[in-house]
Amino acid sequence: MIRSSGVALRSCAVLVIVIVSLHLLWFNLPNDYKSAFQLDTPTPTPTPTPEQKENDDDVEYPNEPLAKQIKASELLSRPPTYTNGRIPKIFHQSWVSLQLPRKFQSWSRSCRRNHPDWEWVIWTDDDNLQLVQRHFPWLEHTYRGLPSEIYRADLARYLYMYIYGGVYADLDTECLRSTEALQPTYGQLFQESEGKNNTAMFGRMGTDPSFEHSIPNAWMAASPGHPFFLVIMNEVKQRYKMIENKWRWTRVKPAETITGPVALRAAITEYEADKEAMKDAVREHATSVEFEGEKSKDDEVVLLPGHVVYPYSWGSDGEHVRNVCWVVSNSFNAKVCKKRLAVEKDGSIAITYWSHTHSPSGHNEGNMKHIE
């Protein structure tokens, strides 16, 4: 009994020495060798809280649901289709290429985050030309002849709305909640139902409806095939014809008056004044695109109140918050801006920070540095 106990004690001592030696060996191994013996255990990605999303705009959370990104070429392969007045769940944005500046990446992600079951597409300059050539050959001369890309980018967004519908927003727009949040007030815009009107929605900016920039083209939503977009396209074509030969000798008119918000506001005013006459004027263009499905019997243009999509006005009525709400300001602070404008209380679905990255001849390099 005494001898067997001694053997047991020696065995335990040897086992302890072996275990201690293995531990010492393990801790002295280089990390590269350790990794070969370890299982790949994914690190769980925390679900961001609303506070984290607001304060960490540049942080990406890989596991959060986002709108599915599709290529413009995929949309171009789809036949134009009426939706019986429903606004499709497609979110359009555009840039010169697919490489977005840092702040634009963050804000576009906010739109994808707030529309997780939608499709999201970035249109490039090359994609826009293909869209014109495929569906609007009557507009190609005008499109190519416009002075610079900002004019063409303005015009292209009306084309997205006419052919595909959905929502368009400039890249300096932060989405605060889903566009579907409009439905309790404006009806089942995104749901199937019989007898629904075609809808084109725009937002007012500021408190002065006579301000010629008071209906920006930085955000819009529509059912596909809405005739108003043919009207604004035709207006651009007519404006271009009037000044085409003069541009060589005179100062180029700004994009705002040819393709942008000033032109948009004027077209809406004319359209609402005599809708049938305006539709008659573009009837031949309406037949140039064949839509599948059944067209709605009537259509409407809806202007949303300023707080809904443009709570920050770059006009004089937004001067009190300009230092924190205008992205080109050195004191820009999106969080403070949204708090001062009470976007949560007012139920704003978006806010635009007005980067003004384009100039008549190209990018405004001075403003570009604020969004990179």
Protein backbone atom coordinates (compact mmCIF):
# COMPACT_ATOMS: atom_id res chain seq x y z
CA MET A 1 0.00 0.00 0.00
CA ILE A 2 2.84 2.37 0.82
CA ARG A 3 4.62 1.54 -2.46
CA SER A 4 1.50 2.06 -4.61
CA SER A 5 0.84 5.43 -2.95
CA GLY A 6 4.37 6.51 -3.82
CA VAL A 7 3.86 5.54 -7.45
CA ALA A 8 0.62 7.50 -7.55
CA LEU A 9 2.31 10.54 -6.09
CA ARG A 10 5.12 10.35 -8.62
CA SER A 11 2.57 10.00 -11.46
CA CYS A 12 0.68 13.08 -10.28
CA ALA A 13 3.90 15.05 -10.02
CA VAL A 14 4.89 14.08 -13.56
CA LEU A 15 1.42 15.06 -14.85
CA VAL A 16 1.63 18.46 -13.17
CA ILE A 17 5.09 19.06 -14.64
CA VAL A 18 3.85 18.13 -18.13
CA ILE A 19 0.81 20.46 -17.88
CA VAL A 20 2.92 23.35 -16.59
CA SER A 21 5.49 22.78 -19.34
CA LEU A 22 2.80 22.77 -22.03
CA HIS A 23 1.36 26.02 -20.68
CA LEU A 24 4.78 27.65 -20.66
CA LEU A 25 5.43 26.41 -24.19
CA TRP A 26 2.05 27.74 -25.40
CA PHE A 27 2.52 31.21 -23.97
CA ASN A 28 5.98 31.45 -25.52
CA LEU A 29 4.83 30.42 -28.98
CA PRO A 30 4.63 33.22 -31.63
CA ASN A 31 1.07 34.30 -32.47
CA ASP A 32 1.40 32.95 -36.02
CA TYR A 33 1.86 29.43 -34.63
CA LYS A 34 -0.96 29.84 -32.13
CA SER A 35 -3.44 30.82 -34.85
CA ALA A 36 -2.86 27.53 -36.63
CA PHE A 37 -4.36 25.67 -33.63
CA GLN A 38 -7.27 28.02 -32.98
CA LEU A 39 -10.76 27.74 -34.44
CA ASP A 40 -12.07 30.68 -36.45
CA THR A 41 -14.74 32.11 -34.19
CA PRO A 42 -16.44 35.15 -35.73
CA THR A 43 -16.57 38.20 -33.52
CA PRO A 44 -20.22 39.16 -33.07
CA THR A 45 -21.07 42.58 -34.49
CA PRO A 46 -23.19 44.56 -32.05
CA THR A 47 -26.48 45.95 -33.28
CA PRO A 48 -26.09 49.75 -33.26
CA THR A 49 -28.33 51.75 -30.98
CA PRO A 50 -30.06 54.88 -32.38
CA GLU A 51 -27.56 56.97 -30.40
CA GLN A 52 -24.60 55.15 -31.98
CA LYS A 53 -26.05 55.60 -35.45
CA GLU A 54 -26.41 59.33 -34.85
CA ASN A 55 -22.97 59.86 -33.30
CA ASP A 56 -20.97 57.39 -35.40
CA ASP A 57 -22.14 58.25 -38.90
CA ASP A 58 -18.91 57.02 -40.48
CA VAL A 59 -18.96 53.65 -38.70
CA GLU A 60 -20.29 50.73 -40.72
CA TYR A 61 -22.14 47.92 -38.98
CA PRO A 62 -21.82 44.94 -41.34
CA ASN A 63 -24.78 43.03 -39.90
CA GLU A 64 -27.34 45.82 -40.08
CA PRO A 65 -30.03 45.39 -42.76
CA LEU A 66 -29.59 47.68 -45.75
CA ALA A 67 -31.37 48.25 -49.04
CA LYS A 68 -30.04 45.84 -51.64
CA GLN A 69 -27.61 47.52 -54.03
CA ILE A 70 -28.36 46.87 -57.69
CA LYS A 71 -26.51 48.02 -60.77
CA ALA A 72 -27.98 50.61 -63.09
CA SER A 73 -27.48 48.08 -65.89
CA GLU A 74 -29.93 45.76 -64.13
CA LEU A 75 -32.57 48.48 -64.03
CA LEU A 76 -31.90 49.32 -67.66
CA SER A 77 -32.63 45.70 -68.57
CA ARG A 78 -36.09 45.86 -67.00
CA PRO A 79 -39.04 46.90 -69.16
CA PRO A 80 -40.82 50.11 -68.09
CA THR A 81 -43.91 49.05 -66.16
CA TYR A 82 -46.91 50.91 -64.81
CA THR A 83 -47.64 50.10 -61.16
CA ASN A 84 -51.26 51.25 -60.94
CA GLY A 85 -50.17 54.35 -59.04
CA ARG A 86 -47.90 52.60 -56.53
CA ILE A 87 -44.48 54.14 -55.89
CA PRO A 88 -41.91 51.34 -56.35
CA LYS A 89 -39.42 50.63 -53.58
CA ILE A 90 -36.37 51.78 -55.53
CA PHE A 91 -34.04 54.43 -54.12
CA HIS A 92 -32.05 56.31 -56.79
CA GLN A 93 -28.92 58.40 -56.27
CA SER A 94 -26.25 59.58 -58.72
CA TRP A 95 -22.60 60.53 -58.87
CA VAL A 96 -19.88 60.82 -61.49
CA SER A 97 -18.72 57.28 -60.60
CA LEU A 98 -19.34 54.56 -58.02
CA GLN A 99 -16.58 55.97 -55.79
CA LEU A 100 -18.37 58.24 -53.33
CA PRO A 101 -16.75 60.85 -51.07
CA ARG A 102 -16.71 59.91 -47.38
CA LYS A 103 -19.70 61.96 -46.19
CA PHE A 104 -21.74 60.88 -49.21
CA GLN A 105 -21.01 57.25 -48.32
CA SER A 106 -22.30 57.85 -44.81
CA TRP A 107 -25.47 59.68 -45.85
CA SER A 108 -26.29 57.23 -48.63
CA ARG A 109 -25.92 54.45 -46.07
CA SER A 110 -28.47 56.23 -43.86
CA CYS A 111 -30.93 55.98 -46.74
CA ARG A 112 -30.21 52.29 -47.26
CA ARG A 113 -30.55 51.70 -43.51
CA ASN A 114 -33.96 53.34 -43.40
CA HIS A 115 -35.18 51.38 -46.44
CA PRO A 116 -33.89 47.84 -45.76
CA ASP A 117 -36.41 46.04 -47.99
CA TRP A 118 -35.88 48.41 -50.94
CA GLU A 119 -33.47 48.39 -53.86
CA TRP A 120 -30.77 51.07 -54.03
CA VAL A 121 -28.95 52.19 -57.16
CA ILE A 122 -26.17 54.66 -57.91
CA TRP A 123 -26.34 56.07 -61.44
CA THR A 124 -23.08 57.24 -63.00
CA ASP A 125 -22.62 59.71 -65.85
CA ASP A 126 -22.15 56.79 -68.26
CA ASP A 127 -25.34 55.11 -66.99
CA ASN A 128 -27.30 58.31 -67.50
CA LEU A 129 -26.26 58.54 -71.15
CA GLN A 130 -27.32 54.93 -71.72
CA LEU A 131 -30.71 55.70 -70.16
CA VAL A 132 -31.19 58.63 -72.53
CA GLN A 133 -30.16 56.62 -75.58
CA ARG A 134 -32.39 53.67 -74.70
CA HIS A 135 -35.62 55.43 -73.76
CA PHE A 136 -35.34 59.10 -74.79
CA PRO A 137 -33.65 59.39 -78.20
CA TRP A 138 -35.67 62.57 -78.83
CA LEU A 139 -33.83 64.14 -75.88
CA GLU A 140 -30.27 63.04 -76.68
CA HIS A 141 -29.28 66.16 -78.64
CA THR A 142 -30.38 68.35 -75.73
CA TYR A 143 -28.77 66.10 -73.15
CA ARG A 144 -25.40 66.03 -74.88
CA GLY A 145 -25.51 69.76 -75.64
CA LEU A 146 -26.02 70.95 -72.07
CA PRO A 147 -22.99 72.90 -70.77
CA SER A 148 -21.77 70.49 -68.06
CA GLU A 149 -22.54 67.42 -65.98
CA ILE A 150 -24.60 69.22 -63.35
CA TYR A 151 -27.16 70.13 -66.03
CA ARG A 152 -27.20 66.52 -67.24
CA ALA A 153 -27.43 65.15 -63.68
CA ASP A 154 -30.41 67.44 -63.02
CA LEU A 155 -32.15 66.23 -66.16
CA ALA A 156 -31.36 62.55 -65.57
CA ARG A 157 -33.22 62.38 -62.26
CA TYR A 158 -36.48 63.26 -64.03
CA LEU A 159 -35.80 60.34 -66.37
CA TYR A 160 -35.36 57.92 -63.45
CA MET A 161 -38.71 58.99 -62.07
CA TYR A 162 -40.53 58.67 -65.39
CA ILE A 163 -39.20 55.25 -66.38
CA TYR A 164 -38.82 53.52 -63.01
CA GLY A 165 -40.45 55.67 -60.34
CA GLY A 166 -39.36 55.31 -56.73
CA VAL A 167 -37.47 57.91 -54.70
CA TYR A 168 -34.54 60.07 -55.74
CA ALA A 169 -32.33 61.97 -53.27
CA ASP A 170 -29.12 63.94 -53.65
CA LEU A 171 -26.10 62.42 -51.93
CA ASP A 172 -25.90 65.27 -49.41
CA THR A 173 -29.27 64.13 -48.08
CA GLU A 174 -29.41 62.20 -44.83
CA CYS A 175 -32.44 59.94 -44.46
CA LEU A 176 -33.94 60.22 -40.98
CA ARG A 177 -36.70 57.64 -41.38
CA SER A 178 -38.32 55.59 -44.13
CA THR A 179 -40.19 57.36 -46.91
CA GLU A 180 -43.01 54.96 -46.09
CA ALA A 181 -43.58 57.07 -42.97
CA LEU A 182 -45.50 59.42 -45.30
CA GLN A 183 -48.33 56.89 -45.70
CA PRO A 184 -50.43 57.74 -42.62
CA THR A 185 -50.79 61.28 -44.01
CA TYR A 186 -50.69 60.75 -47.77
CA GLY A 187 -52.26 57.33 -48.22
CA GLN A 188 -50.92 53.94 -49.25
CA LEU A 189 -48.28 55.28 -51.63
CA PHE A 190 -46.21 52.10 -51.66
CA GLN A 191 -49.01 49.51 -51.54
CA GLU A 192 -51.04 47.89 -54.29
CA SER A 193 -54.61 49.15 -54.60
CA GLU A 194 -57.15 49.70 -57.33
CA GLY A 195 -58.03 53.11 -58.73
CA LYS A 196 -54.98 54.88 -57.35
CA ASN A 197 -53.69 58.05 -59.03
CA ASN A 198 -50.19 58.33 -60.41
CA THR A 199 -48.27 60.47 -57.93
CA ALA A 200 -45.30 62.80 -58.26
CA MET A 201 -44.07 64.20 -54.94
CA PHE A 202 -41.71 67.08 -54.27
CA GLY A 203 -40.87 69.06 -51.16
CA ARG A 204 -41.14 72.73 -50.39
CA MET A 205 -38.18 74.51 -48.83
CA GLY A 206 -38.45 77.49 -46.54
CA THR A 207 -41.38 79.71 -45.63
CA ASP A 208 -41.62 81.86 -48.77
CA PRO A 209 -43.48 80.06 -51.60
CA SER A 210 -42.65 82.93 -53.99
CA PHE A 211 -38.91 82.22 -53.64
CA GLU A 212 -37.94 80.80 -57.04
CA HIS A 213 -35.77 78.11 -55.40
CA SER A 214 -38.53 77.03 -53.01
CA ILE A 215 -39.13 73.64 -54.72
CA PRO A 216 -35.71 71.99 -54.94
CA ASN A 217 -35.04 68.97 -57.12
CA ALA A 218 -32.83 67.34 -54.47
CA TRP A 219 -35.59 64.91 -53.43
CA MET A 220 -38.55 63.49 -55.31
CA ALA A 221 -40.78 60.43 -55.39
CA ALA A 222 -43.10 59.13 -58.09
CA SER A 223 -45.08 56.39 -59.72
CA PRO A 224 -43.54 55.37 -63.06
CA GLY A 225 -44.98 56.96 -66.18
CA HIS A 226 -46.17 60.17 -64.51
CA PRO A 227 -46.74 62.71 -67.34
CA PHE A 228 -45.34 65.63 -65.37
CA PHE A 229 -41.81 64.34 -65.91
CA LEU A 230 -42.33 64.45 -69.68
CA VAL A 231 -43.43 68.06 -69.22
CA ILE A 232 -40.25 69.07 -67.38
CA MET A 233 -38.12 67.18 -69.94
CA ASN A 234 -39.86 69.01 -72.77
CA GLU A 235 -39.44 72.34 -70.95
CA VAL A 236 -35.69 71.69 -70.70
CA LYS A 237 -35.59 70.87 -74.40
CA GLN A 238 -37.42 74.09 -75.33
CA ARG A 239 -35.21 76.22 -73.06
CA TYR A 240 -32.13 74.64 -74.58
CA LYS A 241 -33.34 75.36 -78.14
CA MET A 242 -33.92 79.01 -77.30
CA ILE A 243 -30.41 79.57 -75.99
CA GLU A 244 -28.41 76.89 -77.81
CA ASN A 245 -26.71 79.24 -80.24
CA LYS A 246 -26.33 82.07 -77.76
CA TRP A 247 -24.19 80.11 -75.30
CA ARG A 248 -21.15 80.57 -77.51
CA TRP A 249 -21.30 84.34 -77.11
CA THR A 250 -22.92 85.01 -73.75
CA ARG A 251 -22.47 83.91 -70.16
CA VAL A 252 -23.85 80.43 -69.52
CA LYS A 253 -27.17 80.49 -67.67
CA PRO A 254 -26.98 78.61 -64.36
CA ALA A 255 -28.27 75.06 -64.14
CA GLU A 256 -30.94 76.12 -61.64
CA THR A 257 -32.81 78.02 -64.38
CA ILE A 258 -32.44 75.40 -67.13
CA THR A 259 -32.70 72.00 -65.44
CA GLY A 260 -32.77 72.65 -61.70
CA PRO A 261 -35.12 73.98 -59.01
CA VAL A 262 -36.09 77.24 -60.71
CA ALA A 263 -37.07 75.32 -63.86
CA LEU A 264 -38.85 72.67 -61.77
CA ARG A 265 -40.93 75.20 -59.85
CA ALA A 266 -41.92 76.97 -63.09
CA ALA A 267 -42.93 73.66 -64.71
CA ILE A 268 -45.06 72.64 -61.71
CA THR A 269 -46.81 76.02 -61.74
CA GLU A 270 -47.62 75.72 -65.46
CA TYR A 271 -48.68 72.09 -65.14
CA GLU A 272 -51.07 72.76 -62.28
CA ALA A 273 -52.54 75.77 -64.12
CA ASP A 274 -53.56 73.72 -67.18
CA LYS A 275 -52.79 70.05 -66.77
CA GLU A 276 -54.57 68.80 -69.89
CA ALA A 277 -52.91 71.33 -72.19
CA MET A 278 -49.50 70.48 -70.79
CA LYS A 279 -50.12 66.76 -71.29
CA ASP A 280 -51.27 67.37 -74.86
CA ALA A 281 -48.01 69.18 -75.56
CA VAL A 282 -45.98 66.07 -74.74
CA ARG A 283 -48.33 63.40 -76.09
CA GLU A 284 -45.98 62.42 -78.91
CA HIS A 285 -43.16 61.87 -76.41
CA ALA A 286 -45.46 59.72 -74.26
CA THR A 287 -45.76 57.22 -77.11
CA SER A 288 -41.99 56.89 -77.46
CA VAL A 289 -41.78 54.63 -74.39
CA GLU A 290 -43.88 51.48 -74.19
CA PHE A 291 -44.92 50.63 -70.65
CA GLU A 292 -46.20 47.26 -69.60
CA GLY A 293 -49.23 47.05 -67.34
CA GLU A 294 -52.24 49.31 -66.98
CA LYS A 295 -51.91 53.06 -66.64
CA SER A 296 -53.71 54.93 -63.85
CA LYS A 297 -56.63 57.04 -65.01
CA ASP A 298 -55.48 60.23 -63.32
CA ASP A 299 -52.37 61.77 -61.85
CA GLU A 300 -51.46 64.30 -59.21
CA VAL A 301 -48.52 66.41 -58.07
CA VAL A 302 -48.06 66.60 -54.30
CA LEU A 303 -45.96 69.28 -52.59
CA LEU A 304 -44.82 68.26 -49.11
CA PRO A 305 -44.46 70.90 -46.36
CA GLY A 306 -40.96 72.22 -45.82
CA HIS A 307 -40.25 70.35 -42.58
CA VAL A 308 -40.79 66.95 -44.22
CA VAL A 309 -37.77 66.72 -46.54
CA TYR A 310 -36.09 70.14 -46.35
CA PRO A 311 -36.11 71.15 -42.66
CA TYR A 312 -32.93 73.13 -43.34
CA SER A 313 -33.45 75.91 -45.89
CA TRP A 314 -30.34 77.42 -47.44
CA GLY A 315 -32.37 80.60 -48.02
CA SER A 316 -32.50 83.58 -45.68
CA ASP A 317 -35.06 81.82 -43.45
CA GLY A 318 -32.39 79.22 -42.58
CA GLU A 319 -29.73 81.73 -41.64
CA HIS A 320 -30.15 81.12 -37.89
CA VAL A 321 -28.85 77.54 -38.24
CA ARG A 322 -26.56 77.93 -41.24
CA ASN A 323 -23.35 77.69 -39.23
CA VAL A 324 -24.20 74.15 -38.05
CA CYS A 325 -26.47 72.91 -40.88
CA TRP A 326 -24.54 73.90 -44.00
CA VAL A 327 -21.94 71.25 -44.70
CA VAL A 328 -19.47 73.71 -46.25
CA SER A 329 -19.39 75.68 -42.99
CA ASN A 330 -16.34 75.01 -40.82
CA SER A 331 -18.66 74.75 -37.81
CA PHE A 332 -20.99 72.20 -39.47
CA ASN A 333 -22.40 69.72 -36.95
CA ALA A 334 -25.18 67.43 -38.17
CA LYS A 335 -26.21 66.34 -34.69
CA VAL A 336 -26.58 69.91 -33.39
CA CYS A 337 -28.33 70.93 -36.62
CA LYS A 338 -30.97 68.22 -36.30
CA LYS A 339 -31.53 69.05 -32.65
CA ARG A 340 -32.02 72.76 -33.35
CA LEU A 341 -34.44 72.01 -36.17
CA ALA A 342 -36.39 69.50 -34.04
CA VAL A 343 -36.50 67.00 -36.88
CA GLU A 344 -37.52 64.17 -34.54
CA LYS A 345 -40.49 66.08 -33.11
CA ASP A 346 -41.59 67.34 -36.54
CA GLY A 347 -41.36 63.90 -38.16
CA SER A 348 -38.92 64.92 -40.90
CA ILE A 349 -38.02 62.00 -43.15
CA ALA A 350 -34.83 63.58 -44.54
CA ILE A 351 -32.55 66.59 -44.34
CA THR A 352 -30.28 68.02 -47.04
CA TYR A 353 -27.04 69.73 -46.05
CA TRP A 354 -26.56 71.53 -49.39
CA SER A 355 -22.96 70.71 -50.35
CA HIS A 356 -23.17 72.57 -53.70
CA THR A 357 -20.37 70.38 -55.06
CA HIS A 358 -21.05 71.30 -58.69
CA SER A 359 -20.16 74.46 -60.56
CA PRO A 360 -21.15 75.31 -64.16
CA SER A 361 -17.84 73.91 -65.41
CA GLY A 362 -17.47 70.89 -63.11
CA HIS A 363 -16.87 70.13 -59.43
CA ASN A 364 -16.50 72.97 -56.97
CA GLU A 365 -13.17 71.91 -55.46
CA GLY A 366 -13.53 74.29 -52.52
CA ASN A 367 -16.78 72.63 -51.46
CA MET A 368 -15.62 69.10 -52.32
CA LYS A 369 -13.10 69.15 -49.46
CA HIS A 370 -15.95 69.44 -46.97
CA ILE A 371 -17.52 66.13 -47.98
CA GLU A 372 -14.37 64.04 -48.47
